[in-house]
Amino acid sequence: MDNWSWTNAYKNRYGFIAVDLAEEGKRTIKKSGYWFKKVSDNNGFDA
């Protein structure tokens, strides 16, 4: 899920999935989400 930085006026977005609030909450997997899937598929090791 997407997460925003409260201390930076919600400019920085963190998380594995981006949520587009303008398009009814459309979700898109970010590069970090694909990285996490790769690591979790390999039992915590980046292959």
PDB file of N, CA and C in Angstrom:
ATOM      1  N   MET A   1       0.834  -1.174   0.000  1.00  0.00           N
ATOM      2  CA  MET A   1       0.000   0.000   0.000  1.00  0.00           C
ATOM      3  C   MET A   1       0.880   1.239   0.000  1.00  0.00           C
ATOM      4  N   ASP A   2       0.385   2.287  -0.562  1.00  0.00           N
ATOM      5  CA  ASP A   2       1.112   3.546  -0.633  1.00  0.00           C
ATOM      6  C   ASP A   2       1.141   4.216   0.737  1.00  0.00           C
ATOM      7  N   ASN A   3       2.198   4.947   1.001  1.00  0.00           N
ATOM      8  CA  ASN A   3       2.359   5.651   2.264  1.00  0.00           C
ATOM      9  C   ASN A   3       2.991   6.999   1.971  1.00  0.00           C
ATOM     10  N   TRP A   4       2.527   8.043   2.622  1.00  0.00           N
ATOM     11  CA  TRP A   4       3.041   9.386   2.384  1.00  0.00           C
ATOM     12  C   TRP A   4       3.823   9.884   3.582  1.00  0.00           C
ATOM     13  N   SER A   5       4.750  10.803   3.326  1.00  0.00           N
ATOM     14  CA  SER A   5       5.513  11.444   4.393  1.00  0.00           C
ATOM     15  C   SER A   5       4.739  12.656   4.891  1.00  0.00           C
ATOM     16  N   TRP A   6       4.273  12.610   6.115  1.00  0.00           N
ATOM     17  CA  TRP A   6       3.506  13.717   6.676  1.00  0.00           C
ATOM     18  C   TRP A   6       4.363  14.952   6.863  1.00  0.00           C
ATOM     19  N   THR A   7       5.648  14.766   7.136  1.00  0.00           N
ATOM     20  CA  THR A   7       6.521  15.912   7.413  1.00  0.00           C
ATOM     21  C   THR A   7       6.982  16.615   6.150  1.00  0.00           C
ATOM     22  N   ASN A   8       6.683  16.070   4.988  1.00  0.00           N
ATOM     23  CA  ASN A   8       7.117  16.672   3.732  1.00  0.00           C
ATOM     24  C   ASN A   8       5.915  17.047   2.864  1.00  0.00           C
ATOM     25  N   ALA A   9       4.851  17.472   3.497  1.00  0.00           N
ATOM     26  CA  ALA A   9       3.631  17.920   2.805  1.00  0.00           C
ATOM     27  C   ALA A   9       3.090  16.862   1.839  1.00  0.00           C
ATOM     28  N   TYR A  10       3.235  15.596   2.197  1.00  0.00           N
ATOM     29  CA  TYR A  10       2.736  14.470   1.400  1.00  0.00           C
ATOM     30  C   TYR A  10       3.374  14.378   0.014  1.00  0.00           C
ATOM     31  N   LYS A  11       4.561  14.943  -0.157  1.00  0.00           N
ATOM     32  CA  LYS A  11       5.240  14.890  -1.463  1.00  0.00           C
ATOM     33  C   LYS A  11       5.948  13.557  -1.677  1.00  0.00           C
ATOM     34  N   ASN A  12       6.590  13.036  -0.637  1.00  0.00           N
ATOM     35  CA  ASN A  12       7.298  11.762  -0.760  1.00  0.00           C
ATOM     36  C   ASN A  12       6.312  10.622  -0.543  1.00  0.00           C
ATOM     37  N   ARG A  13       6.351   9.653  -1.435  1.00  0.00           N
ATOM     38  CA  ARG A  13       5.465   8.496  -1.332  1.00  0.00           C
ATOM     39  C   ARG A  13       6.318   7.246  -1.186  1.00  0.00           C
ATOM     40  N   TYR A  14       5.963   6.443  -0.209  1.00  0.00           N
ATOM     41  CA  TYR A  14       6.700   5.219   0.082  1.00  0.00           C
ATOM     42  C   TYR A  14       5.748   4.037  -0.034  1.00  0.00           C
ATOM     43  N   GLY A  15       6.298   2.864  -0.199  1.00  0.00           N
ATOM     44  CA  GLY A  15       5.466   1.665  -0.247  1.00  0.00           C
ATOM     45  C   GLY A  15       5.726   0.857  -1.499  1.00  0.00           C
ATOM     46  N   PHE A  16       5.071  -0.282  -1.583  1.00  0.00           N
ATOM     47  CA  PHE A  16       5.253  -1.202  -2.702  1.00  0.00           C
ATOM     48  C   PHE A  16       4.221  -1.002  -3.800  1.00  0.00           C
ATOM     49  N   ILE A  17       3.106  -0.382  -3.470  1.00  0.00           N
ATOM     50  CA  ILE A  17       2.023  -0.179  -4.436  1.00  0.00           C
ATOM     51  C   ILE A  17       1.597   1.278  -4.413  1.00  0.00           C
ATOM     52  N   ALA A  18       1.567   1.920  -5.586  1.00  0.00           N
ATOM     53  CA  ALA A  18       1.128   3.315  -5.692  1.00  0.00           C
ATOM     54  C   ALA A  18      -0.386   3.345  -5.858  1.00  0.00           C
ATOM     55  N   VAL A  19      -1.029   4.270  -5.165  1.00  0.00           N
ATOM     56  CA  VAL A  19      -2.478   4.434  -5.258  1.00  0.00           C
ATOM     57  C   VAL A  19      -2.762   5.777  -5.909  1.00  0.00           C
ATOM     58  N   ASP A  20      -3.472   5.750  -7.034  1.00  0.00           N
ATOM     59  CA  ASP A  20      -3.835   6.981  -7.742  1.00  0.00           C
ATOM     60  C   ASP A  20      -5.218   7.407  -7.270  1.00  0.00           C
ATOM     61  N   LEU A  21      -5.257   8.410  -6.413  1.00  0.00           N
ATOM     62  CA  LEU A  21      -6.527   8.847  -5.841  1.00  0.00           C
ATOM     63  C   LEU A  21      -7.410   9.547  -6.864  1.00  0.00           C
ATOM     64  N   ALA A  22      -6.811  10.058  -7.949  1.00  0.00           N
ATOM     65  CA  ALA A  22      -7.588  10.729  -8.994  1.00  0.00           C
ATOM     66  C   ALA A  22      -8.350   9.729  -9.867  1.00  0.00           C
ATOM     67  N   GLU A  23      -7.890   8.485  -9.911  1.00  0.00           N
ATOM     68  CA  GLU A  23      -8.532   7.454 -10.742  1.00  0.00           C
ATOM     69  C   GLU A  23      -9.192   6.382  -9.881  1.00  0.00           C
ATOM     70  N   GLU A  24     -10.005   6.819  -8.950  1.00  0.00           N
ATOM     71  CA  GLU A  24     -10.777   5.916  -8.095  1.00  0.00           C
ATOM     72  C   GLU A  24      -9.916   4.883  -7.377  1.00  0.00           C
ATOM     73  N   GLY A  25      -8.727   5.283  -6.942  1.00  0.00           N
ATOM     74  CA  GLY A  25      -7.879   4.390  -6.169  1.00  0.00           C
ATOM     75  C   GLY A  25      -7.158   3.335  -6.977  1.00  0.00           C
ATOM     76  N   LYS A  26      -6.900   3.596  -8.260  1.00  0.00           N
ATOM     77  CA  LYS A  26      -6.186   2.634  -9.109  1.00  0.00           C
ATOM     78  C   LYS A  26      -4.827   2.324  -8.477  1.00  0.00           C
ATOM     79  N   ARG A  27      -4.507   1.044  -8.385  1.00  0.00           N
ATOM     80  CA  ARG A  27      -3.257   0.611  -7.764  1.00  0.00           C
ATOM     81  C   ARG A  27      -2.288   0.107  -8.825  1.00  0.00           C
ATOM     82  N   THR A  28      -1.011   0.511  -8.677  1.00  0.00           N
ATOM     83  CA  THR A  28       0.046   0.110  -9.595  1.00  0.00           C
ATOM     84  C   THR A  28       1.243  -0.356  -8.775  1.00  0.00           C
ATOM     85  N   ILE A  29       1.770  -1.522  -9.105  1.00  0.00           N
ATOM     86  CA  ILE A  29       2.940  -2.026  -8.393  1.00  0.00           C
ATOM     87  C   ILE A  29       4.160  -1.206  -8.797  1.00  0.00           C
ATOM     88  N   LYS A  30       4.911  -0.746  -7.783  1.00  0.00           N
ATOM     89  CA  LYS A  30       6.110   0.049  -8.025  1.00  0.00           C
ATOM     90  C   LYS A  30       7.327  -0.874  -8.144  1.00  0.00           C
ATOM     91  N   LYS A  31       8.468  -0.311  -8.555  1.00  0.00           N
ATOM     92  CA  LYS A  31       9.696  -1.105  -8.672  1.00  0.00           C
ATOM     93  C   LYS A  31      10.027  -1.795  -7.360  1.00  0.00           C
ATOM     94  N   SER A  32       9.797  -1.112  -6.252  1.00  0.00           N
ATOM     95  CA  SER A  32      10.084  -1.699  -4.944  1.00  0.00           C
ATOM     96  C   SER A  32       9.196  -2.916  -4.675  1.00  0.00           C
ATOM     97  N   GLY A  33       7.979  -2.908  -5.191  1.00  0.00           N
ATOM     98  CA  GLY A  33       7.087  -4.055  -5.035  1.00  0.00           C
ATOM     99  C   GLY A  33       7.594  -5.274  -5.783  1.00  0.00           C
ATOM    100  N   TYR A  34       8.096  -5.052  -6.984  1.00  0.00           N
ATOM    101  CA  TYR A  34       8.671  -6.160  -7.755  1.00  0.00           C
ATOM    102  C   TYR A  34       9.944  -6.677  -7.095  1.00  0.00           C
ATOM    103  N   TRP A  35      10.742  -5.756  -6.524  1.00  0.00           N
ATOM    104  CA  TRP A  35      11.954  -6.161  -5.810  1.00  0.00           C
ATOM    105  C   TRP A  35      11.582  -7.021  -4.609  1.00  0.00           C
ATOM    106  N   PHE A  36      10.579  -6.603  -3.838  1.00  0.00           N
ATOM    107  CA  PHE A  36      10.166  -7.352  -2.656  1.00  0.00           C
ATOM    108  C   PHE A  36       9.664  -8.742  -3.033  1.00  0.00           C
ATOM    109  N   LYS A  37       8.919  -8.849  -4.123  1.00  0.00           N
ATOM    110  CA  LYS A  37       8.453 -10.161  -4.580  1.00  0.00           C
ATOM    111  C   LYS A  37       9.632 -11.063  -4.914  1.00  0.00           C
ATOM    112  N   LYS A  38      10.633 -10.510  -5.604  1.00  0.00           N
ATOM    113  CA  LYS A  38      11.822 -11.286  -5.970  1.00  0.00           C
ATOM    114  C   LYS A  38      12.546 -11.783  -4.721  1.00  0.00           C
ATOM    115  N   VAL A  39      12.709 -10.919  -3.745  1.00  0.00           N
ATOM    116  CA  VAL A  39      13.392 -11.298  -2.508  1.00  0.00           C
ATOM    117  C   VAL A  39      12.582 -12.342  -1.741  1.00  0.00           C
ATOM    118  N   SER A  40      11.279 -12.133  -1.620  1.00  0.00           N
ATOM    119  CA  SER A  40      10.457 -13.079  -0.859  1.00  0.00           C
ATOM    120  C   SER A  40      10.355 -14.435  -1.564  1.00  0.00           C
ATOM    121  N   ASP A  41      10.378 -14.443  -2.889  1.00  0.00           N
ATOM    122  CA  ASP A  41      10.362 -15.713  -3.624  1.00  0.00           C
ATOM    123  C   ASP A  41      11.638 -16.513  -3.403  1.00  0.00           C
ATOM    124  N   ASN A  42      12.725 -15.823  -3.038  1.00  0.00           N
ATOM    125  CA  ASN A  42      14.014 -16.481  -2.820  1.00  0.00           C
ATOM    126  C   ASN A  42      14.356 -16.572  -1.336  1.00  0.00           C
ATOM    127  N   ASN A  43      13.332 -16.639  -0.491  1.00  0.00           N
ATOM    128  CA  ASN A  43      13.511 -16.789   0.957  1.00  0.00           C
ATOM    129  C   ASN A  43      14.395 -15.713   1.573  1.00  0.00           C
ATOM    130  N   GLY A  44      14.235 -14.488   1.121  1.00  0.00           N
ATOM    131  CA  GLY A  44      14.948 -13.364   1.725  1.00  0.00           C
ATOM    132  C   GLY A  44      16.272 -13.032   1.085  1.00  0.00           C
ATOM    133  N   PHE A  45      16.625 -13.705   0.009  1.00  0.00           N
ATOM    134  CA  PHE A  45      17.890 -13.434  -0.661  1.00  0.00           C
ATOM    135  C   PHE A  45      17.632 -12.828  -2.029  1.00  0.00           C
ATOM    136  N   ASP A  46      18.357 -11.770  -2.349  1.00  0.00           N
ATOM    137  CA  ASP A  46      18.236 -11.126  -3.654  1.00  0.00           C
ATOM    138  C   ASP A  46      19.039 -11.932  -4.663  1.00  0.00           C
ATOM    139  N   ALA A  47      18.348 -12.636  -5.548  1.00  0.00           N
ATOM    140  CA  ALA A  47      19.036 -13.514  -6.511  1.00  0.00           C
ATOM    141  C   ALA A  47      19.346 -12.795  -7.795  1.00  0.00           C
TER     142      ALA A  47
END
